[in-house]
Structures are given as C-alpha cells and as structure tokens.
Amino acid sequence: MIAARDLGSVCSQLRGELGLGEPFADPGVAYFGLRNSVFALSDTFLEVVSPHAENTSAGRLIERRGGDCGYMLMFQVDDVAAARARAAEESVREVFEVSVDDMSEVHLHPADMRGAIVSLSEPTPPESWRWAGPDWQTRSVPLRVCGARIAVADPETVAARWSRVLGASAARAGIHFDADEQDRGPVEIILRGADRPAFTAGGVRFSFEKEE
C-alpha cells in the first residue's frame, strides 16, 4: 500500500505504467480519514491511500518522509487468530481489528513490527477479497504482486520478528529487508507478469521479476 498526497495523480501514473483496470474506492476507509483506490493484479492487490482529514496516520507518515511513500503490507493468512497470538507473544500491539462475515483482519503497530503497518487478513472463502469491491475479478490484470523491499535500521532483527509473526519466513513470502539508518520502510514493490524496466510512482520503486 502506498500513501500519496495526490491520489488521482499517482493512480493515473500506475494505470499508465501497468495497464491496470478500474480501481475500487472503498468508502470504509473514511473511518481512517482516507480516500483510496484498490487495483486487482491477478489475485493480489495494489492500494493507494490519500488523507482527506487532519492528523491521519498516513498523513503524518507522508510528512515525516517528506512526500509519498510506502505505507502498509497486507498478508492473507490461514488462521488470523493464531497470527494474533504470535504477535501478542512478540509484544506487538494491535491498532485496528475488524471481523465481518467474509473477513477477519488485524493491523499491527508499525513501531512494534518496524518498517510498516502490517495487516493480517483471513478472508472467507480464501479466494475472496472484500476490500477490492464487488466483481474485482473482472477488473483484474495479468500481473501479480510477488514481494516488497523494506528499508530499516536493523534488517536482521526486523526480518526475524516479521517471520515469527507471519508464521513463515518473510523472505519466502517475498519480503526483503535492507539496512537503512533512515528507516524509510517499504521502498520497492516487486511484480511478476511483465518484462519491462523499473519505474518509480508514489515514492516507491516498481520492479519486475521473471516468472519461475
């Protein structure tokens, strides 16, 4: 997920660069003082959020970073209750929790996880994704989000914590950590499904990995 000052400008660039379909605007993010656009890439998703109220977490991060930046990573898990228990064992605080008929989800505090807000989601059925809106499959394009790169001051410690919370190796999930004393957080999104040069949008580098 990217946090952007100008939602329309960043989304227009992404659609032009990646050939993305029409995004879904989730009215529920108004709860956080945000507007958003959610794009479907195969059965993965790319979201851009933009503050439209004062004193939002996304707005504060944009100010600290000095511009648009990476904001959140969302992971689908088989058992969100078990994942929450693992996070509690790590003394990781929860900043948001929701449970509805087709989705259970929790957001974990970025100061505890380090690098980004981490969202753990258990959709029911597993192939559904409420946050992408109705009929998102018809708007999906043949690309896939397959990983991300996160810049943090202590990458080995942070990678170990993420792995314990996720219940699987962060690297195996496509998450890579680079040493960075500025703690810039998510700096790169890695995609599959296209052979083209990398580009930057919303303060984040988009690179492409060959299909295995």
N, C-alpha and C. Protein backbone atom coordinates (compact mmCIF):
# COMPACT_ATOMS: atom_id res chain seq x y z
N MET A 1 0.85 -1.19 0.00
CA MET A 1 0.00 0.00 0.00
C MET A 1 0.89 1.24 0.00
N ILE A 2 0.46 2.23 -0.79
CA ILE A 2 1.18 3.50 -0.90
C ILE A 2 0.34 4.60 -0.28
N ALA A 3 1.00 5.52 0.42
CA ALA A 3 0.36 6.73 0.92
C ALA A 3 0.78 7.89 0.04
N ALA A 4 -0.20 8.60 -0.53
CA ALA A 4 0.08 9.64 -1.51
C ALA A 4 -0.68 10.92 -1.19
N ARG A 5 -0.06 12.04 -1.45
CA ARG A 5 -0.73 13.32 -1.28
C ARG A 5 -1.83 13.50 -2.32
N ASP A 6 -1.53 13.12 -3.56
CA ASP A 6 -2.48 13.31 -4.67
C ASP A 6 -2.88 11.93 -5.19
N LEU A 7 -4.01 11.44 -4.74
CA LEU A 7 -4.47 10.10 -5.10
C LEU A 7 -4.62 9.95 -6.61
N GLY A 8 -5.28 10.92 -7.24
CA GLY A 8 -5.55 10.81 -8.67
C GLY A 8 -4.29 10.76 -9.51
N SER A 9 -3.30 11.58 -9.17
CA SER A 9 -2.07 11.63 -9.95
C SER A 9 -1.30 10.32 -9.88
N VAL A 10 -1.16 9.76 -8.68
CA VAL A 10 -0.42 8.51 -8.53
C VAL A 10 -1.16 7.37 -9.21
N CYS A 11 -2.47 7.32 -9.06
CA CYS A 11 -3.24 6.24 -9.69
C CYS A 11 -3.19 6.34 -11.21
N SER A 12 -3.23 7.55 -11.74
CA SER A 12 -3.13 7.72 -13.19
C SER A 12 -1.78 7.22 -13.70
N GLN A 13 -0.72 7.52 -12.96
CA GLN A 13 0.59 7.03 -13.39
C GLN A 13 0.65 5.51 -13.35
N LEU A 14 0.15 4.91 -12.28
CA LEU A 14 0.17 3.45 -12.17
C LEU A 14 -0.64 2.79 -13.28
N ARG A 15 -1.80 3.36 -13.59
CA ARG A 15 -2.62 2.78 -14.66
C ARG A 15 -1.90 2.89 -16.00
N GLY A 16 -1.22 4.02 -16.22
CA GLY A 16 -0.50 4.19 -17.46
C GLY A 16 0.69 3.26 -17.57
N GLU A 17 1.43 3.10 -16.48
CA GLU A 17 2.63 2.28 -16.50
C GLU A 17 2.30 0.79 -16.55
N LEU A 18 1.24 0.37 -15.86
CA LEU A 18 0.97 -1.05 -15.68
C LEU A 18 -0.27 -1.55 -16.42
N GLY A 19 -1.00 -0.67 -17.05
CA GLY A 19 -2.21 -1.09 -17.74
C GLY A 19 -3.27 -1.62 -16.80
N LEU A 20 -3.38 -1.03 -15.63
CA LEU A 20 -4.32 -1.52 -14.62
C LEU A 20 -5.75 -1.21 -15.00
N GLY A 21 -6.68 -2.01 -14.46
CA GLY A 21 -8.09 -1.79 -14.69
C GLY A 21 -8.64 -0.71 -13.79
N GLU A 22 -9.94 -0.56 -13.81
CA GLU A 22 -10.60 0.45 -12.98
C GLU A 22 -10.43 0.08 -11.51
N PRO A 23 -10.04 1.04 -10.67
CA PRO A 23 -9.89 0.72 -9.25
C PRO A 23 -11.21 0.78 -8.51
N PHE A 24 -11.21 0.18 -7.33
CA PHE A 24 -12.36 0.26 -6.43
C PHE A 24 -12.06 1.28 -5.34
N ALA A 25 -13.01 2.16 -5.08
CA ALA A 25 -12.89 3.13 -3.99
C ALA A 25 -13.72 2.62 -2.83
N ASP A 26 -13.07 2.28 -1.74
CA ASP A 26 -13.74 1.70 -0.58
C ASP A 26 -14.21 2.82 0.35
N PRO A 27 -15.51 3.02 0.50
CA PRO A 27 -15.98 4.09 1.38
C PRO A 27 -15.61 3.86 2.84
N GLY A 28 -15.29 2.62 3.20
CA GLY A 28 -14.97 2.31 4.58
C GLY A 28 -13.70 2.96 5.09
N VAL A 29 -12.77 3.32 4.17
CA VAL A 29 -11.52 3.91 4.64
C VAL A 29 -11.71 5.34 5.14
N ALA A 30 -12.91 5.91 4.94
CA ALA A 30 -13.19 7.22 5.54
C ALA A 30 -13.07 7.17 7.06
N TYR A 31 -13.25 5.98 7.64
CA TYR A 31 -13.08 5.79 9.08
C TYR A 31 -11.68 6.22 9.52
N PHE A 32 -10.69 6.03 8.64
CA PHE A 32 -9.30 6.39 8.94
C PHE A 32 -8.95 7.79 8.44
N GLY A 33 -9.94 8.52 7.91
CA GLY A 33 -9.67 9.83 7.34
C GLY A 33 -8.99 9.77 5.99
N LEU A 34 -9.27 8.70 5.23
CA LEU A 34 -8.59 8.47 3.96
C LEU A 34 -9.57 8.32 2.81
N ARG A 35 -9.04 8.48 1.60
CA ARG A 35 -9.65 8.01 0.36
C ARG A 35 -8.70 6.97 -0.22
N ASN A 36 -9.23 6.06 -1.05
CA ASN A 36 -8.33 5.05 -1.59
C ASN A 36 -8.74 4.61 -2.99
N SER A 37 -7.83 3.88 -3.61
CA SER A 37 -8.08 3.18 -4.86
C SER A 37 -7.40 1.83 -4.75
N VAL A 38 -8.16 0.75 -5.03
CA VAL A 38 -7.64 -0.61 -4.94
C VAL A 38 -7.66 -1.24 -6.33
N PHE A 39 -6.49 -1.66 -6.79
CA PHE A 39 -6.35 -2.30 -8.10
C PHE A 39 -6.13 -3.80 -7.91
N ALA A 40 -6.76 -4.60 -8.77
CA ALA A 40 -6.58 -6.05 -8.74
C ALA A 40 -5.53 -6.46 -9.77
N LEU A 41 -4.52 -7.22 -9.30
CA LEU A 41 -3.47 -7.76 -10.14
C LEU A 41 -3.49 -9.27 -9.95
N SER A 42 -4.11 -9.99 -10.90
CA SER A 42 -4.43 -11.42 -10.71
C SER A 42 -5.23 -11.54 -9.43
N ASP A 43 -4.74 -12.31 -8.44
CA ASP A 43 -5.46 -12.40 -7.17
C ASP A 43 -4.70 -11.70 -6.05
N THR A 44 -3.87 -10.70 -6.43
CA THR A 44 -3.20 -9.84 -5.47
C THR A 44 -3.69 -8.41 -5.70
N PHE A 45 -3.30 -7.49 -4.81
CA PHE A 45 -3.91 -6.16 -4.86
C PHE A 45 -2.88 -5.09 -4.55
N LEU A 46 -3.08 -3.96 -5.21
CA LEU A 46 -2.25 -2.77 -5.01
C LEU A 46 -3.18 -1.63 -4.61
N GLU A 47 -2.91 -1.03 -3.47
CA GLU A 47 -3.79 0.01 -2.95
C GLU A 47 -3.01 1.31 -2.76
N VAL A 48 -3.66 2.40 -3.11
CA VAL A 48 -3.12 3.74 -2.85
C VAL A 48 -4.11 4.46 -1.95
N VAL A 49 -3.62 5.05 -0.87
CA VAL A 49 -4.47 5.82 0.03
C VAL A 49 -3.98 7.26 0.08
N SER A 50 -4.91 8.16 0.38
CA SER A 50 -4.57 9.57 0.47
C SER A 50 -5.38 10.21 1.58
N PRO A 51 -4.75 10.97 2.47
CA PRO A 51 -5.50 11.59 3.57
C PRO A 51 -6.44 12.67 3.07
N HIS A 52 -7.66 12.69 3.64
CA HIS A 52 -8.57 13.80 3.35
C HIS A 52 -9.09 14.40 4.65
N ALA A 53 -8.43 14.08 5.76
CA ALA A 53 -8.75 14.67 7.06
C ALA A 53 -7.43 15.01 7.75
N GLU A 54 -7.51 15.80 8.81
CA GLU A 54 -6.32 16.18 9.55
C GLU A 54 -5.87 15.03 10.46
N ASN A 55 -4.58 14.98 10.70
CA ASN A 55 -3.99 14.10 11.71
C ASN A 55 -4.29 12.62 11.48
N THR A 56 -4.14 12.17 10.24
CA THR A 56 -4.25 10.74 9.95
C THR A 56 -2.86 10.11 10.04
N SER A 57 -2.82 8.80 10.27
CA SER A 57 -1.53 8.13 10.33
C SER A 57 -0.81 8.21 8.98
N ALA A 58 -1.56 8.09 7.89
CA ALA A 58 -0.96 8.19 6.56
C ALA A 58 -0.42 9.60 6.32
N GLY A 59 -1.19 10.61 6.73
CA GLY A 59 -0.74 11.99 6.54
C GLY A 59 0.51 12.30 7.35
N ARG A 60 0.56 11.79 8.58
CA ARG A 60 1.74 12.02 9.42
C ARG A 60 2.97 11.34 8.82
N LEU A 61 2.78 10.14 8.26
CA LEU A 61 3.91 9.44 7.65
C LEU A 61 4.40 10.20 6.42
N ILE A 62 3.49 10.68 5.60
CA ILE A 62 3.88 11.47 4.42
C ILE A 62 4.71 12.67 4.84
N GLU A 63 4.30 13.34 5.91
CA GLU A 63 5.05 14.50 6.39
C GLU A 63 6.44 14.08 6.88
N ARG A 64 6.52 13.00 7.62
CA ARG A 64 7.82 12.55 8.13
C ARG A 64 8.75 12.14 7.00
N ARG A 65 8.19 11.50 5.99
CA ARG A 65 9.01 11.04 4.86
C ARG A 65 9.31 12.16 3.86
N GLY A 66 8.58 13.26 3.96
CA GLY A 66 8.80 14.36 3.03
C GLY A 66 8.15 14.15 1.68
N GLY A 67 7.15 13.26 1.61
CA GLY A 67 6.46 13.02 0.34
C GLY A 67 5.81 11.65 0.33
N ASP A 68 5.28 11.27 -0.82
CA ASP A 68 4.62 9.97 -0.99
C ASP A 68 5.57 8.84 -0.60
N CYS A 69 4.99 7.74 -0.10
CA CYS A 69 5.85 6.68 0.41
C CYS A 69 5.07 5.38 0.57
N GLY A 70 5.80 4.29 0.79
CA GLY A 70 5.18 3.03 1.14
C GLY A 70 4.58 3.12 2.53
N TYR A 71 3.47 2.39 2.75
CA TYR A 71 2.69 2.61 3.97
C TYR A 71 2.36 1.32 4.71
N MET A 72 1.80 0.35 4.03
CA MET A 72 1.31 -0.87 4.68
C MET A 72 1.54 -2.08 3.79
N LEU A 73 1.76 -3.24 4.42
CA LEU A 73 1.77 -4.51 3.71
C LEU A 73 0.68 -5.38 4.29
N MET A 74 -0.11 -6.01 3.42
CA MET A 74 -1.23 -6.84 3.82
C MET A 74 -0.95 -8.29 3.43
N PHE A 75 -1.13 -9.19 4.39
CA PHE A 75 -0.86 -10.60 4.17
C PHE A 75 -2.12 -11.42 4.42
N GLN A 76 -2.42 -12.33 3.53
CA GLN A 76 -3.51 -13.27 3.76
C GLN A 76 -2.96 -14.45 4.55
N VAL A 77 -3.63 -14.80 5.65
CA VAL A 77 -3.20 -15.92 6.49
C VAL A 77 -4.34 -16.93 6.61
N ASP A 78 -3.98 -18.15 6.95
CA ASP A 78 -4.98 -19.22 7.09
C ASP A 78 -5.76 -19.10 8.40
N ASP A 79 -5.12 -18.55 9.43
CA ASP A 79 -5.73 -18.50 10.76
C ASP A 79 -5.31 -17.20 11.43
N VAL A 80 -6.16 -16.19 11.34
CA VAL A 80 -5.79 -14.88 11.87
C VAL A 80 -5.70 -14.91 13.40
N ALA A 81 -6.49 -15.75 14.04
CA ALA A 81 -6.42 -15.84 15.50
C ALA A 81 -5.05 -16.35 15.94
N ALA A 82 -4.53 -17.35 15.25
CA ALA A 82 -3.20 -17.86 15.57
C ALA A 82 -2.13 -16.81 15.29
N ALA A 83 -2.30 -16.05 14.22
CA ALA A 83 -1.34 -14.99 13.90
C ALA A 83 -1.37 -13.89 14.97
N ARG A 84 -2.57 -13.57 15.46
CA ARG A 84 -2.67 -12.57 16.52
C ARG A 84 -1.99 -13.06 17.80
N ALA A 85 -2.10 -14.34 18.06
CA ALA A 85 -1.44 -14.91 19.24
C ALA A 85 0.08 -14.82 19.10
N ARG A 86 0.59 -15.09 17.89
CA ARG A 86 2.04 -14.97 17.67
C ARG A 86 2.49 -13.53 17.85
N ALA A 87 1.69 -12.57 17.36
CA ALA A 87 2.03 -11.16 17.52
C ALA A 87 2.03 -10.77 18.99
N ALA A 88 1.06 -11.26 19.75
CA ALA A 88 0.99 -10.96 21.19
C ALA A 88 2.22 -11.51 21.91
N GLU A 89 2.70 -12.68 21.51
CA GLU A 89 3.90 -13.25 22.11
C GLU A 89 5.12 -12.36 21.87
N GLU A 90 5.09 -11.60 20.78
CA GLU A 90 6.18 -10.68 20.45
C GLU A 90 5.96 -9.30 21.05
N SER A 91 4.89 -9.14 21.84
CA SER A 91 4.52 -7.84 22.44
C SER A 91 4.23 -6.79 21.37
N VAL A 92 3.66 -7.24 20.25
CA VAL A 92 3.25 -6.35 19.18
C VAL A 92 1.82 -5.88 19.43
N ARG A 93 1.64 -4.57 19.45
CA ARG A 93 0.31 -4.01 19.70
C ARG A 93 -0.54 -4.05 18.43
N GLU A 94 -1.84 -4.14 18.64
CA GLU A 94 -2.81 -4.04 17.55
C GLU A 94 -3.35 -2.61 17.50
N VAL A 95 -3.49 -2.08 16.28
CA VAL A 95 -4.02 -0.72 16.14
C VAL A 95 -5.43 -0.72 15.54
N PHE A 96 -5.86 -1.86 14.99
CA PHE A 96 -7.20 -1.95 14.41
C PHE A 96 -7.55 -3.41 14.25
N GLU A 97 -8.83 -3.72 14.47
CA GLU A 97 -9.32 -5.08 14.29
C GLU A 97 -10.74 -5.02 13.75
N VAL A 98 -11.04 -5.91 12.80
CA VAL A 98 -12.39 -5.98 12.25
C VAL A 98 -12.73 -7.44 11.97
N SER A 99 -13.99 -7.80 12.22
CA SER A 99 -14.46 -9.14 11.91
C SER A 99 -15.87 -9.03 11.36
N VAL A 100 -16.03 -9.42 10.10
CA VAL A 100 -17.34 -9.43 9.44
C VAL A 100 -17.51 -10.81 8.82
N ASP A 101 -18.64 -11.03 8.16
CA ASP A 101 -18.96 -12.38 7.67
C ASP A 101 -17.86 -12.99 6.81
N ASP A 102 -17.25 -12.17 5.95
CA ASP A 102 -16.31 -12.73 4.99
C ASP A 102 -14.87 -12.26 5.19
N MET A 103 -14.56 -11.63 6.34
CA MET A 103 -13.20 -11.17 6.56
C MET A 103 -12.94 -10.97 8.05
N SER A 104 -11.80 -11.50 8.50
CA SER A 104 -11.27 -11.18 9.82
C SER A 104 -9.88 -10.58 9.60
N GLU A 105 -9.62 -9.45 10.25
CA GLU A 105 -8.38 -8.74 9.95
C GLU A 105 -7.90 -7.97 11.17
N VAL A 106 -6.60 -7.83 11.27
CA VAL A 106 -5.99 -7.03 12.32
C VAL A 106 -4.82 -6.26 11.72
N HIS A 107 -4.63 -5.02 12.18
CA HIS A 107 -3.48 -4.21 11.79
C HIS A 107 -2.53 -4.13 12.98
N LEU A 108 -1.24 -4.32 12.73
CA LEU A 108 -0.23 -4.35 13.78
C LEU A 108 0.58 -3.06 13.79
N HIS A 109 0.94 -2.63 14.97
CA HIS A 109 1.57 -1.32 15.17
C HIS A 109 2.93 -1.26 14.47
N PRO A 110 3.14 -0.23 13.64
CA PRO A 110 4.42 -0.15 12.90
C PRO A 110 5.62 0.07 13.81
N ALA A 111 5.43 0.70 14.98
CA ALA A 111 6.56 0.89 15.89
C ALA A 111 7.03 -0.42 16.49
N ASP A 112 6.13 -1.41 16.57
CA ASP A 112 6.49 -2.72 17.11
C ASP A 112 6.97 -3.67 16.02
N MET A 113 6.28 -3.65 14.86
CA MET A 113 6.71 -4.51 13.75
C MET A 113 7.95 -3.96 13.08
N ARG A 114 8.07 -2.65 13.03
CA ARG A 114 9.15 -1.91 12.38
C ARG A 114 9.00 -2.00 10.85
N GLY A 115 9.15 -0.89 10.20
CA GLY A 115 9.17 -0.85 8.75
C GLY A 115 7.85 -0.48 8.11
N ALA A 116 6.72 -0.91 8.68
CA ALA A 116 5.42 -0.63 8.07
C ALA A 116 4.31 -1.10 9.00
N ILE A 117 3.11 -0.61 8.77
CA ILE A 117 1.94 -1.25 9.35
C ILE A 117 1.79 -2.60 8.65
N VAL A 118 1.54 -3.65 9.43
CA VAL A 118 1.32 -4.97 8.86
C VAL A 118 -0.13 -5.36 9.11
N SER A 119 -0.83 -5.73 8.04
CA SER A 119 -2.20 -6.21 8.14
C SER A 119 -2.22 -7.71 7.91
N LEU A 120 -2.92 -8.43 8.80
CA LEU A 120 -3.09 -9.87 8.67
C LEU A 120 -4.57 -10.13 8.42
N SER A 121 -4.90 -10.81 7.32
CA SER A 121 -6.28 -10.95 6.89
C SER A 121 -6.61 -12.41 6.63
N GLU A 122 -7.80 -12.81 7.08
CA GLU A 122 -8.32 -14.16 6.79
C GLU A 122 -9.66 -14.02 6.10
N PRO A 123 -9.68 -14.01 4.76
CA PRO A 123 -10.94 -13.92 4.04
C PRO A 123 -11.66 -15.26 3.99
N THR A 124 -12.99 -15.20 3.93
CA THR A 124 -13.82 -16.40 3.83
C THR A 124 -14.84 -16.21 2.72
N PRO A 125 -14.74 -17.00 1.63
CA PRO A 125 -13.76 -18.05 1.37
C PRO A 125 -12.38 -17.46 1.07
N PRO A 126 -11.33 -18.29 1.08
CA PRO A 126 -9.97 -17.77 0.92
C PRO A 126 -9.73 -17.01 -0.37
N GLU A 127 -10.48 -17.35 -1.42
CA GLU A 127 -10.26 -16.68 -2.71
C GLU A 127 -11.00 -15.36 -2.83
N SER A 128 -11.71 -14.95 -1.80
CA SER A 128 -12.43 -13.68 -1.84
C SER A 128 -11.54 -12.56 -1.30
N TRP A 129 -11.96 -11.31 -1.58
CA TRP A 129 -11.22 -10.16 -1.02
C TRP A 129 -12.17 -8.96 -0.97
N ARG A 130 -12.84 -8.83 0.16
CA ARG A 130 -13.86 -7.79 0.36
C ARG A 130 -13.37 -6.39 -0.01
N TRP A 131 -12.13 -6.08 0.35
CA TRP A 131 -11.63 -4.71 0.21
C TRP A 131 -11.44 -4.29 -1.24
N ALA A 132 -11.51 -5.23 -2.19
CA ALA A 132 -11.35 -4.88 -3.61
C ALA A 132 -12.66 -4.58 -4.30
N GLY A 133 -13.78 -4.73 -3.56
CA GLY A 133 -15.07 -4.40 -4.13
C GLY A 133 -15.71 -5.56 -4.89
N PRO A 134 -16.96 -5.40 -5.28
CA PRO A 134 -17.66 -6.47 -5.99
C PRO A 134 -17.07 -6.71 -7.38
N ASP A 135 -17.05 -7.99 -7.77
CA ASP A 135 -16.59 -8.37 -9.12
C ASP A 135 -15.19 -7.87 -9.44
N TRP A 136 -14.30 -7.89 -8.43
CA TRP A 136 -12.94 -7.41 -8.70
C TRP A 136 -12.23 -8.27 -9.75
N GLN A 137 -12.66 -9.53 -9.87
CA GLN A 137 -12.01 -10.40 -10.85
C GLN A 137 -12.14 -9.86 -12.26
N THR A 138 -13.25 -9.19 -12.57
CA THR A 138 -13.45 -8.66 -13.91
C THR A 138 -12.55 -7.46 -14.19
N ARG A 139 -12.01 -6.85 -13.13
CA ARG A 139 -11.14 -5.68 -13.29
C ARG A 139 -9.66 -6.04 -13.12
N SER A 140 -9.39 -7.33 -12.92
CA SER A 140 -8.02 -7.76 -12.66
C SER A 140 -7.20 -7.80 -13.95
N VAL A 141 -5.91 -7.54 -13.82
CA VAL A 141 -4.99 -7.60 -14.96
C VAL A 141 -3.97 -8.71 -14.71
N PRO A 142 -3.34 -9.26 -15.76
CA PRO A 142 -2.44 -10.40 -15.61
C PRO A 142 -1.05 -10.01 -15.11
N LEU A 143 -1.02 -9.33 -13.98
CA LEU A 143 0.21 -9.07 -13.23
C LEU A 143 0.01 -9.64 -11.83
N ARG A 144 1.07 -9.66 -11.04
CA ARG A 144 0.96 -10.17 -9.67
C ARG A 144 1.97 -9.47 -8.78
N VAL A 145 1.52 -9.05 -7.60
CA VAL A 145 2.44 -8.56 -6.58
C VAL A 145 3.09 -9.79 -5.95
N CYS A 146 4.42 -9.89 -6.03
CA CYS A 146 5.09 -11.07 -5.50
C CYS A 146 6.09 -10.76 -4.40
N GLY A 147 6.25 -9.49 -4.05
CA GLY A 147 7.18 -9.18 -2.97
C GLY A 147 7.35 -7.70 -2.76
N ALA A 148 8.17 -7.39 -1.78
CA ALA A 148 8.45 -5.99 -1.45
C ALA A 148 9.82 -5.91 -0.79
N ARG A 149 10.40 -4.72 -0.84
CA ARG A 149 11.67 -4.46 -0.19
C ARG A 149 11.45 -3.35 0.84
N ILE A 150 11.96 -3.57 2.06
CA ILE A 150 11.72 -2.66 3.16
C ILE A 150 13.06 -2.21 3.74
N ALA A 151 13.23 -0.91 3.89
CA ALA A 151 14.48 -0.34 4.39
C ALA A 151 14.33 0.00 5.87
N VAL A 152 15.14 -0.67 6.70
CA VAL A 152 15.07 -0.49 8.15
C VAL A 152 16.49 -0.47 8.74
N ALA A 153 16.59 0.05 9.95
CA ALA A 153 17.91 0.22 10.56
C ALA A 153 18.53 -1.11 10.99
N ASP A 154 17.73 -2.09 11.36
CA ASP A 154 18.23 -3.37 11.85
C ASP A 154 17.54 -4.50 11.09
N PRO A 155 17.93 -4.74 9.85
CA PRO A 155 17.15 -5.65 9.00
C PRO A 155 17.07 -7.08 9.51
N GLU A 156 18.11 -7.61 10.10
CA GLU A 156 18.07 -9.00 10.56
C GLU A 156 17.06 -9.17 11.69
N THR A 157 17.08 -8.24 12.65
CA THR A 157 16.14 -8.33 13.77
C THR A 157 14.70 -8.17 13.29
N VAL A 158 14.47 -7.22 12.39
CA VAL A 158 13.12 -6.97 11.90
C VAL A 158 12.64 -8.15 11.07
N ALA A 159 13.49 -8.71 10.21
CA ALA A 159 13.10 -9.87 9.41
C ALA A 159 12.71 -11.04 10.30
N ALA A 160 13.46 -11.24 11.39
CA ALA A 160 13.15 -12.34 12.30
C ALA A 160 11.79 -12.13 12.97
N ARG A 161 11.51 -10.91 13.38
CA ARG A 161 10.21 -10.65 14.02
C ARG A 161 9.07 -10.85 13.04
N TRP A 162 9.20 -10.31 11.83
CA TRP A 162 8.14 -10.50 10.83
C TRP A 162 7.92 -11.99 10.58
N SER A 163 8.99 -12.75 10.48
CA SER A 163 8.86 -14.18 10.20
C SER A 163 8.12 -14.89 11.34
N ARG A 164 8.43 -14.53 12.57
CA ARG A 164 7.75 -15.17 13.70
C ARG A 164 6.27 -14.81 13.72
N VAL A 165 5.95 -13.57 13.44
CA VAL A 165 4.54 -13.15 13.45
C VAL A 165 3.78 -13.80 12.29
N LEU A 166 4.39 -13.83 11.11
CA LEU A 166 3.73 -14.41 9.95
C LEU A 166 3.63 -15.93 10.05
N GLY A 167 4.49 -16.53 10.85
CA GLY A 167 4.50 -17.99 10.94
C GLY A 167 5.19 -18.64 9.77
N ALA A 168 5.97 -17.88 9.03
CA ALA A 168 6.72 -18.38 7.87
C ALA A 168 7.82 -17.37 7.57
N SER A 169 8.83 -17.81 6.87
CA SER A 169 9.93 -16.92 6.54
C SER A 169 9.46 -15.72 5.74
N ALA A 170 9.83 -14.53 6.19
CA ALA A 170 9.48 -13.32 5.45
C ALA A 170 10.07 -13.36 4.05
N ALA A 171 11.28 -13.86 3.92
CA ALA A 171 11.92 -13.94 2.60
C ALA A 171 11.14 -14.87 1.68
N ARG A 172 10.64 -15.97 2.24
CA ARG A 172 9.85 -16.90 1.43
C ARG A 172 8.56 -16.24 0.96
N ALA A 173 8.05 -15.30 1.75
CA ALA A 173 6.86 -14.55 1.35
C ALA A 173 7.19 -13.40 0.40
N GLY A 174 8.46 -13.27 0.02
CA GLY A 174 8.87 -12.24 -0.93
C GLY A 174 9.23 -10.92 -0.28
N ILE A 175 9.38 -10.90 1.05
CA ILE A 175 9.70 -9.67 1.74
C ILE A 175 11.19 -9.64 2.06
N HIS A 176 11.86 -8.60 1.59
CA HIS A 176 13.30 -8.46 1.76
C HIS A 176 13.58 -7.18 2.55
N PHE A 177 14.59 -7.22 3.42
CA PHE A 177 14.91 -6.09 4.28
C PHE A 177 16.32 -5.61 3.97
N ASP A 178 16.45 -4.30 3.78
CA ASP A 178 17.75 -3.67 3.53
C ASP A 178 18.11 -2.75 4.69
N ALA A 179 19.40 -2.64 4.97
CA ALA A 179 19.88 -1.77 6.03
C ALA A 179 19.73 -0.30 5.61
N ASP A 180 19.12 0.49 6.49
CA ASP A 180 18.89 1.91 6.19
C ASP A 180 18.67 2.65 7.51
N GLU A 181 19.62 3.49 7.89
CA GLU A 181 19.53 4.19 9.17
C GLU A 181 18.35 5.16 9.20
N GLN A 182 17.81 5.53 8.04
CA GLN A 182 16.66 6.43 8.00
C GLN A 182 15.33 5.71 8.21
N ASP A 183 15.33 4.39 8.25
CA ASP A 183 14.10 3.62 8.46
C ASP A 183 13.00 4.05 7.49
N ARG A 184 13.30 4.02 6.19
CA ARG A 184 12.34 4.53 5.21
C ARG A 184 11.15 3.61 4.98
N GLY A 185 11.20 2.38 5.48
CA GLY A 185 10.06 1.48 5.31
C GLY A 185 9.98 0.89 3.91
N PRO A 186 8.77 0.61 3.41
CA PRO A 186 8.63 0.00 2.09
C PRO A 186 9.13 0.93 0.98
N VAL A 187 10.14 0.47 0.25
CA VAL A 187 10.74 1.30 -0.80
C VAL A 187 10.60 0.67 -2.18
N GLU A 188 10.17 -0.59 -2.25
CA GLU A 188 10.06 -1.25 -3.55
C GLU A 188 8.93 -2.27 -3.52
N ILE A 189 8.18 -2.33 -4.60
CA ILE A 189 7.17 -3.36 -4.81
C ILE A 189 7.61 -4.19 -6.01
N ILE A 190 7.61 -5.50 -5.85
CA ILE A 190 8.10 -6.41 -6.88
C ILE A 190 6.91 -7.10 -7.54
N LEU A 191 6.86 -7.06 -8.86
CA LEU A 191 5.76 -7.61 -9.63
C LEU A 191 6.24 -8.73 -10.55
N ARG A 192 5.32 -9.59 -10.93
CA ARG A 192 5.55 -10.58 -11.99
C ARG A 192 4.49 -10.39 -13.05
N GLY A 193 4.80 -10.86 -14.27
CA GLY A 193 3.82 -10.84 -15.34
C GLY A 193 4.14 -9.86 -16.44
N ALA A 194 5.29 -9.18 -16.34
CA ALA A 194 5.69 -8.24 -17.39
C ALA A 194 7.21 -8.20 -17.44
N ASP A 195 7.75 -7.94 -18.61
CA ASP A 195 9.19 -7.78 -18.78
C ASP A 195 9.43 -6.35 -19.24
N ARG A 196 9.71 -5.48 -18.28
CA ARG A 196 9.85 -4.07 -18.61
C ARG A 196 10.74 -3.41 -17.57
N PRO A 197 11.24 -2.22 -17.85
CA PRO A 197 12.13 -1.54 -16.89
C PRO A 197 11.38 -1.12 -15.63
N ALA A 198 12.14 -0.98 -14.55
CA ALA A 198 11.58 -0.49 -13.30
C ALA A 198 11.20 0.99 -13.44
N PHE A 199 10.30 1.42 -12.59
CA PHE A 199 9.91 2.83 -12.56
C PHE A 199 9.53 3.19 -11.13
N THR A 200 9.37 4.47 -10.86
CA THR A 200 9.00 4.95 -9.53
C THR A 200 7.67 5.67 -9.59
N ALA A 201 6.79 5.34 -8.64
CA ALA A 201 5.49 6.01 -8.52
C ALA A 201 5.12 6.06 -7.05
N GLY A 202 4.58 7.18 -6.60
CA GLY A 202 4.17 7.30 -5.21
C GLY A 202 5.32 7.12 -4.24
N GLY A 203 6.54 7.48 -4.65
CA GLY A 203 7.70 7.36 -3.79
C GLY A 203 8.22 5.95 -3.63
N VAL A 204 7.70 5.02 -4.43
CA VAL A 204 8.08 3.60 -4.33
C VAL A 204 8.57 3.11 -5.70
N ARG A 205 9.62 2.32 -5.68
CA ARG A 205 10.14 1.73 -6.92
C ARG A 205 9.33 0.48 -7.25
N PHE A 206 8.95 0.34 -8.50
CA PHE A 206 8.27 -0.85 -9.00
C PHE A 206 9.24 -1.60 -9.91
N SER A 207 9.56 -2.83 -9.53
CA SER A 207 10.48 -3.64 -10.34
C SER A 207 9.77 -4.92 -10.75
N PHE A 208 10.37 -5.66 -11.67
CA PHE A 208 9.74 -6.82 -12.27
C PHE A 208 10.64 -8.03 -12.19
N GLU A 209 10.04 -9.14 -11.78
CA GLU A 209 10.75 -10.39 -11.59
C GLU A 209 10.23 -11.40 -12.60
N LYS A 210 11.12 -12.21 -13.14
CA LYS A 210 10.71 -13.21 -14.13
C LYS A 210 9.88 -14.29 -13.48
N GLU A 211 8.94 -14.83 -14.24
CA GLU A 211 8.14 -15.94 -13.76
C GLU A 211 9.02 -17.15 -13.52
N GLU A 212 8.73 -17.87 -12.43
CA GLU A 212 9.51 -19.08 -12.13
C GLU A 212 9.10 -20.23 -13.05
